[in-house]
Amino acid sequence: MRLSSLHQPLRSAGHWLAGAAALCACNLLGQKISDALALPVPGSVVGMLILLIALMLYGGIPRGVGMVSGQLLRLLALLFLPAAVGIYFVRDLSARDWLGLLAATTVGTLLSLTLCALLLKKLLGTEGGERDD
């Protein structure tokens, strides 16, 4: 194998690692801020807001973040599996609790889908929405 043929896979791996590091850094920073300020919002949500602000300031999605995010989105159903299993074992909730849980899940899902669609529409509307690093 020639050295020049390894250049592209190594470059792609570098983009992927940089994207994964950026996502982990946003998550850790969100955890630290949430813990330091004793916010009622989970640190991962604060981390997503930090990532959103960083992407808006950057003006697009860096290649590495796009690569890692695409892979995570394909596995999203598996990431929800532990939460679904946890709900199955909570049997002693009253009917009112289940109604609140169902309403929160439905509203949260619809709000997330709406925000993702609006963000995708905005990012695709700006020159392809992806930059080379």
Protein backbone atom coordinates (compact mmCIF):
# COMPACT_ATOMS: atom_id res chain seq x y z
CA MET A 1 0.00 0.00 0.00
CA ARG A 2 1.34 3.36 -0.95
CA LEU A 3 1.70 6.17 1.53
CA SER A 4 -0.38 8.49 -0.65
CA SER A 5 -3.30 6.05 -0.55
CA LEU A 6 -3.33 6.30 3.26
CA HIS A 7 -3.58 10.07 3.21
CA GLN A 8 -7.35 10.26 2.59
CA PRO A 9 -8.41 7.67 5.23
CA LEU A 10 -6.12 9.30 7.79
CA ARG A 11 -7.52 12.70 6.97
CA SER A 12 -11.06 11.37 7.26
CA ALA A 13 -10.22 9.74 10.60
CA GLY A 14 -8.77 13.05 11.78
CA HIS A 15 -11.98 14.87 10.86
CA TRP A 16 -14.02 12.21 12.65
CA LEU A 17 -11.89 12.41 15.81
CA ALA A 18 -12.05 16.21 15.81
CA GLY A 19 -15.83 16.07 15.45
CA ALA A 20 -16.17 13.55 18.26
CA ALA A 21 -13.88 15.66 20.45
CA ALA A 22 -15.98 18.77 19.73
CA LEU A 23 -19.20 16.96 20.68
CA CYS A 24 -17.63 15.55 23.86
CA ALA A 25 -16.20 18.96 24.77
CA CYS A 26 -19.63 20.60 24.42
CA ASN A 27 -21.18 17.86 26.56
CA LEU A 28 -18.52 18.17 29.27
CA LEU A 29 -18.71 21.97 29.26
CA GLY A 30 -22.49 21.76 29.57
CA GLN A 31 -22.14 19.35 32.51
CA LYS A 32 -19.67 21.67 34.25
CA ILE A 33 -21.85 24.75 33.73
CA SER A 34 -25.00 22.94 34.86
CA ASP A 35 -23.26 21.63 37.98
CA ALA A 36 -21.56 24.94 38.81
CA LEU A 37 -24.73 27.00 38.46
CA ALA A 38 -27.02 24.27 39.90
CA LEU A 39 -29.29 24.62 36.89
CA PRO A 40 -32.50 22.59 36.77
CA VAL A 41 -31.59 21.68 33.18
CA PRO A 42 -29.38 18.61 32.52
CA GLY A 43 -25.82 19.31 31.47
CA SER A 44 -26.29 17.54 28.16
CA VAL A 45 -29.03 20.03 27.23
CA VAL A 46 -26.73 22.92 28.15
CA GLY A 47 -24.05 21.26 26.04
CA MET A 48 -26.40 21.08 23.07
CA LEU A 49 -27.15 24.78 23.46
CA ILE A 50 -23.41 25.49 23.53
CA LEU A 51 -23.00 23.39 20.37
CA LEU A 52 -25.90 25.22 18.70
CA ILE A 53 -24.41 28.62 19.50
CA ALA A 54 -20.98 27.48 18.29
CA LEU A 55 -22.45 26.20 15.01
CA MET A 56 -24.38 29.42 14.50
CA LEU A 57 -21.22 31.45 15.09
CA TYR A 58 -19.26 29.16 12.77
CA GLY A 59 -21.92 29.48 10.11
CA GLY A 60 -22.22 25.82 9.22
CA ILE A 61 -21.42 22.30 10.25
CA PRO A 62 -17.75 21.30 10.29
CA ARG A 63 -17.07 18.11 8.38
CA GLY A 64 -16.05 16.09 11.45
CA VAL A 65 -19.10 17.10 13.48
CA GLY A 66 -21.29 16.22 10.50
CA MET A 67 -19.66 12.80 10.13
CA VAL A 68 -20.04 11.89 13.81
CA SER A 69 -23.55 13.34 14.05
CA GLY A 70 -24.67 11.37 11.01
CA GLN A 71 -23.47 8.13 12.55
CA LEU A 72 -25.12 8.97 15.88
CA LEU A 73 -28.40 9.79 14.15
CA ARG A 74 -28.41 6.39 12.45
CA LEU A 75 -28.09 4.78 15.91
CA LEU A 76 -30.56 7.11 17.63
CA ALA A 77 -33.17 4.41 18.18
CA LEU A 78 -30.62 2.36 20.11
CA LEU A 79 -29.80 5.36 22.30
CA PHE A 80 -33.47 5.62 23.35
CA LEU A 81 -33.73 1.94 24.19
CA PRO A 82 -32.48 2.21 27.83
CA ALA A 83 -35.01 4.99 28.55
CA ALA A 84 -37.82 2.92 27.06
CA VAL A 85 -36.82 -0.11 29.13
CA GLY A 86 -36.66 2.07 32.26
CA ILE A 87 -40.21 3.29 31.71
CA TYR A 88 -41.40 -0.31 31.37
CA PHE A 89 -40.19 -1.11 34.89
CA VAL A 90 -41.94 1.91 36.47
CA ARG A 91 -45.29 0.31 37.11
CA ASP A 92 -46.41 2.05 40.28
CA LEU A 93 -47.19 5.38 38.64
CA SER A 94 -50.74 6.68 38.84
CA ALA A 95 -52.84 7.37 35.77
CA ARG A 96 -52.19 11.09 36.21
CA ASP A 97 -48.43 10.48 36.19
CA TRP A 98 -48.71 8.46 32.99
CA LEU A 99 -50.80 11.22 31.39
CA GLY A 100 -48.16 13.80 32.30
CA LEU A 101 -45.38 11.52 31.07
CA LEU A 102 -47.18 10.91 27.80
CA ALA A 103 -47.89 14.62 27.32
CA ALA A 104 -44.28 15.58 28.08
CA THR A 105 -42.96 12.92 25.71
CA THR A 106 -45.34 13.91 22.92
CA VAL A 107 -44.78 17.65 23.26
CA GLY A 108 -41.02 17.18 23.63
CA THR A 109 -40.83 14.98 20.54
CA LEU A 110 -42.91 17.38 18.45
CA LEU A 111 -40.88 20.36 19.66
CA SER A 112 -37.60 18.56 18.91
CA LEU A 113 -38.75 17.56 15.43
CA THR A 114 -39.91 21.10 14.69
CA LEU A 115 -36.65 22.67 15.88
CA CYS A 116 -34.58 20.11 13.95
CA ALA A 117 -36.59 20.76 10.79
CA LEU A 118 -36.18 24.53 11.14
CA LEU A 119 -32.46 24.19 11.81
CA LEU A 120 -32.01 21.82 8.87
CA LYS A 121 -33.92 24.18 6.59
CA LYS A 122 -31.76 27.11 7.69
CA LEU A 123 -28.50 25.21 7.33
CA LEU A 124 -29.36 23.75 3.93
CA GLY A 125 -30.35 27.17 2.72
CA THR A 126 -26.85 28.57 3.30
CA GLU A 127 -24.48 27.42 0.57
CA GLY A 128 -24.78 23.71 1.32
CA GLY A 129 -24.33 24.24 5.06
CA GLU A 130 -21.05 22.31 5.30
CA ARG A 131 -17.54 23.67 5.43
CA ASP A 132 -14.17 22.09 4.99
CA ASP A 133 -11.93 22.59 7.99
